[in-house]
Amino acid sequence: RPRATRPGRVSGALVEAGDDPPTTAEAATPADDPPVPSTAADERLLHGLIQFTAAAHHRAEDNADGARDLAESAGVYLGALPDEYRDCALAPVREWLDALANDADAAPRPPPLRHEGTVVTLADLDAESALLAAPVVAEATGYDPEPVVTAAEYASEAVRADETSPFIALVTDFVTGDQRALVHRRLSQHVDREHHRDRDVDGLF
């Protein structure tokens, strides 16, 4: 059975081995330098966009400090990428993150995120994308990420085996739905029950 990742290491668990989160210096890498490997770049895009979404949420909730911190972090992740990556328009996102990091109160409304010219949100993610995004969403929105990581691992295990599992729907709903607190509670309860079953089985041998 999959083991839970420690909360403090969730972000690292989603990044390719040996690929630390980008520093500000890395974000300023000149365009003629070797490009970031695609896997690492994809992870930076994922982390950066989720933190961009969380920064917009904190600003809407008048949490200026939280919005500013997330804007700085998201800007570092996205700063290493070109203005358009994976058909996502990143230039307006970075401009808004810079404005938010400089003055959270004076920053304008966040721009819509566009993919291939179409506005997208977390609710548009499919199940596979939601399983990947779930731990980062938990961290960015202030929920305990440990049960989310474990649930995502259980769900991924079921997907690979072409099996059904309540964890698939729970993790997807946590990322894309509007009842995140309720889903997190149910998800945590399912993880606890699964752990108890594992311990009971281990005790038979």
Protein backbone atom coordinates (compact mmCIF):
# COMPACT_ATOMS: atom_id res chain seq x y z
CA ARG A 1 0.00 0.00 0.00
CA PRO A 2 1.24 3.53 -0.62
CA ARG A 3 2.74 5.44 2.25
CA ALA A 4 1.85 9.03 3.08
CA THR A 5 4.40 11.69 2.24
CA ARG A 6 5.31 14.04 5.07
CA PRO A 7 3.51 17.35 4.69
CA GLY A 8 6.72 19.38 4.56
CA ARG A 9 7.95 17.35 1.61
CA VAL A 10 4.83 17.34 -0.52
CA SER A 11 6.10 19.86 -3.04
CA GLY A 12 9.35 17.98 -3.42
CA ALA A 13 7.47 14.74 -3.99
CA LEU A 14 5.85 16.24 -7.07
CA VAL A 15 9.09 17.53 -8.52
CA GLU A 16 11.46 15.30 -10.42
CA ALA A 17 14.22 13.86 -8.21
CA GLY A 18 17.05 16.33 -7.86
CA ASP A 19 14.99 19.26 -9.14
CA ASP A 20 14.74 21.79 -6.33
CA PRO A 21 12.19 24.62 -6.54
CA PRO A 22 13.65 27.38 -8.72
CA THR A 23 15.47 30.24 -7.05
CA THR A 24 15.05 33.86 -8.05
CA ALA A 25 18.37 33.66 -9.86
CA GLU A 26 17.18 30.64 -11.84
CA ALA A 27 14.01 32.50 -12.73
CA ALA A 28 16.16 35.18 -14.37
CA THR A 29 18.02 32.70 -16.60
CA PRO A 30 18.72 34.32 -19.99
CA ALA A 31 16.76 33.01 -22.96
CA ASP A 32 19.91 31.70 -24.70
CA ASP A 33 20.74 29.38 -21.78
CA PRO A 34 19.81 25.68 -22.12
CA PRO A 35 16.03 25.27 -21.70
CA VAL A 36 14.59 23.73 -18.56
CA PRO A 37 13.97 19.97 -19.06
CA SER A 38 10.33 19.45 -19.98
CA THR A 39 9.43 17.40 -16.90
CA ALA A 40 10.87 20.00 -14.53
CA ALA A 41 9.27 22.80 -16.53
CA ASP A 42 5.89 21.09 -16.39
CA GLU A 43 6.17 20.78 -12.61
CA ARG A 44 7.06 24.47 -12.33
CA LEU A 45 4.03 25.32 -14.44
CA LEU A 46 1.80 23.20 -12.20
CA HIS A 47 3.14 24.64 -8.94
CA GLY A 48 3.15 28.19 -10.27
CA LEU A 49 -0.41 28.15 -11.59
CA ILE A 50 -1.86 26.55 -8.48
CA GLN A 51 -0.10 29.12 -6.30
CA PHE A 52 -1.35 31.86 -8.64
CA THR A 53 -4.90 30.60 -8.06
CA ALA A 54 -4.34 30.46 -4.30
CA ALA A 55 -2.87 33.98 -4.31
CA ALA A 56 -5.99 35.27 -6.05
CA HIS A 57 -8.14 33.50 -3.44
CA HIS A 58 -6.20 35.03 -0.54
CA ARG A 59 -6.47 38.49 -2.08
CA ALA A 60 -10.24 38.06 -2.46
CA GLU A 61 -10.35 37.11 1.24
CA ASP A 62 -8.35 40.26 2.16
CA ASN A 63 -5.38 38.18 3.34
CA ALA A 64 -2.71 40.51 1.99
CA ASP A 65 0.24 38.73 3.61
CA GLY A 66 -0.82 35.33 2.32
CA ALA A 67 -1.51 36.71 -1.14
CA ARG A 68 1.86 38.46 -1.28
CA ASP A 69 3.82 35.38 -0.15
CA LEU A 70 2.09 33.15 -2.69
CA ALA A 71 2.57 35.73 -5.44
CA GLU A 72 6.31 35.79 -4.79
CA SER A 73 6.53 31.99 -4.79
CA ALA A 74 4.38 31.59 -7.90
CA GLY A 75 6.42 34.26 -9.68
CA VAL A 76 9.62 32.34 -9.01
CA TYR A 77 8.17 29.13 -10.40
CA LEU A 78 6.73 30.76 -13.52
CA GLY A 79 9.68 33.10 -14.02
CA ALA A 80 11.77 30.27 -15.48
CA LEU A 81 9.24 29.64 -18.24
CA PRO A 82 8.60 31.48 -21.53
CA ASP A 83 5.69 33.88 -21.99
CA GLU A 84 3.66 31.04 -23.49
CA TYR A 85 4.22 27.48 -22.34
CA ARG A 86 2.04 24.43 -23.01
CA ASP A 87 -0.33 26.84 -24.79
CA CYS A 88 -0.82 28.77 -21.52
CA ALA A 89 -0.46 32.56 -21.69
CA LEU A 90 1.88 33.26 -18.76
CA ALA A 91 2.93 36.87 -19.43
CA PRO A 92 -0.23 38.49 -17.96
CA VAL A 93 -0.14 36.07 -15.04
CA ARG A 94 3.46 37.03 -14.20
CA GLU A 95 2.68 40.74 -14.54
CA TRP A 96 -0.17 40.41 -12.05
CA LEU A 97 1.94 38.34 -9.65
CA ASP A 98 4.64 41.04 -9.71
CA ALA A 99 2.05 43.73 -8.96
CA LEU A 100 0.56 41.66 -6.14
CA ALA A 101 3.95 40.93 -4.60
CA ASN A 102 4.84 44.64 -4.68
CA ASP A 103 1.54 45.92 -3.25
CA ALA A 104 -1.24 43.44 -2.48
CA ASP A 105 -3.75 46.21 -1.76
CA ALA A 106 -3.17 48.15 -4.98
CA ALA A 107 -2.92 45.18 -7.35
CA PRO A 108 -5.68 44.92 -9.98
CA ARG A 109 -8.02 41.97 -10.33
CA PRO A 110 -6.21 38.79 -11.41
CA PRO A 111 -6.24 38.08 -15.13
CA PRO A 112 -8.06 35.00 -16.39
CA LEU A 113 -5.78 32.07 -17.14
CA ARG A 114 -6.02 31.17 -20.81
CA HIS A 115 -5.11 27.88 -22.47
CA GLU A 116 -5.25 27.93 -26.26
CA GLY A 117 -7.16 31.19 -25.87
CA THR A 118 -9.83 29.70 -23.59
CA VAL A 119 -10.24 30.67 -19.92
CA VAL A 120 -9.60 27.67 -17.63
CA THR A 121 -10.01 26.99 -13.90
CA LEU A 122 -9.30 24.14 -11.49
CA ALA A 123 -12.82 22.89 -12.19
CA ASP A 124 -11.74 22.15 -15.76
CA LEU A 125 -9.12 19.56 -14.74
CA ASP A 126 -9.74 15.93 -15.64
CA ALA A 127 -9.27 13.17 -13.04
CA GLU A 128 -5.67 12.40 -14.00
CA SER A 129 -4.64 16.06 -13.74
CA ALA A 130 -6.55 16.45 -10.47
CA LEU A 131 -4.63 13.55 -8.88
CA LEU A 132 -1.36 15.28 -9.73
CA ALA A 133 -2.54 18.70 -8.56
CA ALA A 134 -4.26 17.62 -5.32
CA PRO A 135 -1.28 17.75 -2.90
CA VAL A 136 -0.23 21.18 -4.17
CA VAL A 137 -3.81 22.45 -3.93
CA ALA A 138 -3.96 21.23 -0.32
CA GLU A 139 -0.75 23.07 0.60
CA ALA A 140 -1.73 26.24 -1.24
CA THR A 141 -5.21 26.41 0.32
CA GLY A 142 -4.20 25.61 3.91
CA TYR A 143 -5.46 22.02 4.24
CA ASP A 144 -3.45 19.18 5.79
CA PRO A 145 -1.76 17.70 2.72
CA GLU A 146 -0.82 14.33 4.25
CA PRO A 147 -4.20 12.58 3.80
CA VAL A 148 -4.54 14.17 0.37
CA VAL A 149 -1.17 12.76 -0.71
CA THR A 150 -2.14 9.30 0.54
CA ALA A 151 -5.58 9.46 -1.08
CA ALA A 152 -4.03 10.53 -4.38
CA GLU A 153 -1.65 7.56 -4.20
CA TYR A 154 -4.52 5.16 -3.53
CA ALA A 155 -6.47 6.71 -6.40
CA SER A 156 -3.49 6.50 -8.78
CA GLU A 157 -2.99 2.85 -7.81
CA ALA A 158 -6.62 2.14 -8.73
CA VAL A 159 -6.32 3.99 -12.05
CA ARG A 160 -3.21 2.01 -12.99
CA ALA A 161 -5.01 -1.24 -12.16
CA ASP A 162 -8.09 -0.09 -14.11
CA GLU A 163 -10.18 -0.44 -10.95
CA THR A 164 -12.83 1.74 -9.35
CA SER A 165 -12.11 3.48 -6.05
CA PRO A 166 -13.86 6.11 -3.92
CA PHE A 167 -10.50 7.87 -3.66
CA ILE A 168 -10.62 8.85 -7.35
CA ALA A 169 -13.87 10.79 -6.93
CA LEU A 170 -12.85 12.23 -3.55
CA VAL A 171 -9.52 13.57 -4.74
CA THR A 172 -11.04 14.96 -7.92
CA ASP A 173 -13.83 16.65 -5.94
CA PHE A 174 -11.27 18.11 -3.52
CA VAL A 175 -9.47 19.82 -6.39
CA THR A 176 -12.35 20.81 -8.64
CA GLY A 177 -15.37 21.16 -6.34
CA ASP A 178 -16.65 23.99 -4.16
CA GLN A 179 -17.06 21.96 -0.93
CA ARG A 180 -13.35 21.48 -0.24
CA ALA A 181 -13.61 21.42 3.57
CA LEU A 182 -16.30 18.73 3.53
CA VAL A 183 -14.47 16.64 0.95
CA HIS A 184 -11.18 16.92 2.87
CA ARG A 185 -12.90 15.61 6.01
CA ARG A 186 -14.43 12.66 4.15
CA LEU A 187 -11.20 11.97 2.34
CA SER A 188 -9.28 11.91 5.64
CA GLN A 189 -11.82 9.48 7.12
CA HIS A 190 -11.44 7.13 4.15
CA VAL A 191 -7.65 7.25 4.49
CA ASP A 192 -7.88 6.41 8.21
CA ARG A 193 -10.16 3.45 7.48
CA GLU A 194 -7.79 2.18 4.80
CA HIS A 195 -4.87 2.42 7.22
CA HIS A 196 -6.82 0.41 9.80
CA ARG A 197 -7.53 -2.28 7.18
CA ASP A 198 -3.85 -2.42 6.27
CA ARG A 199 -2.84 -2.84 9.92
CA ASP A 200 -5.46 -5.57 10.41
CA VAL A 201 -4.14 -7.47 7.39
CA ASP A 202 -0.54 -7.05 8.53
CA GLY A 203 -1.51 -8.47 11.93
CA LEU A 204 -2.59 -11.74 10.30
CA PHE A 205 0.94 -12.53 9.18
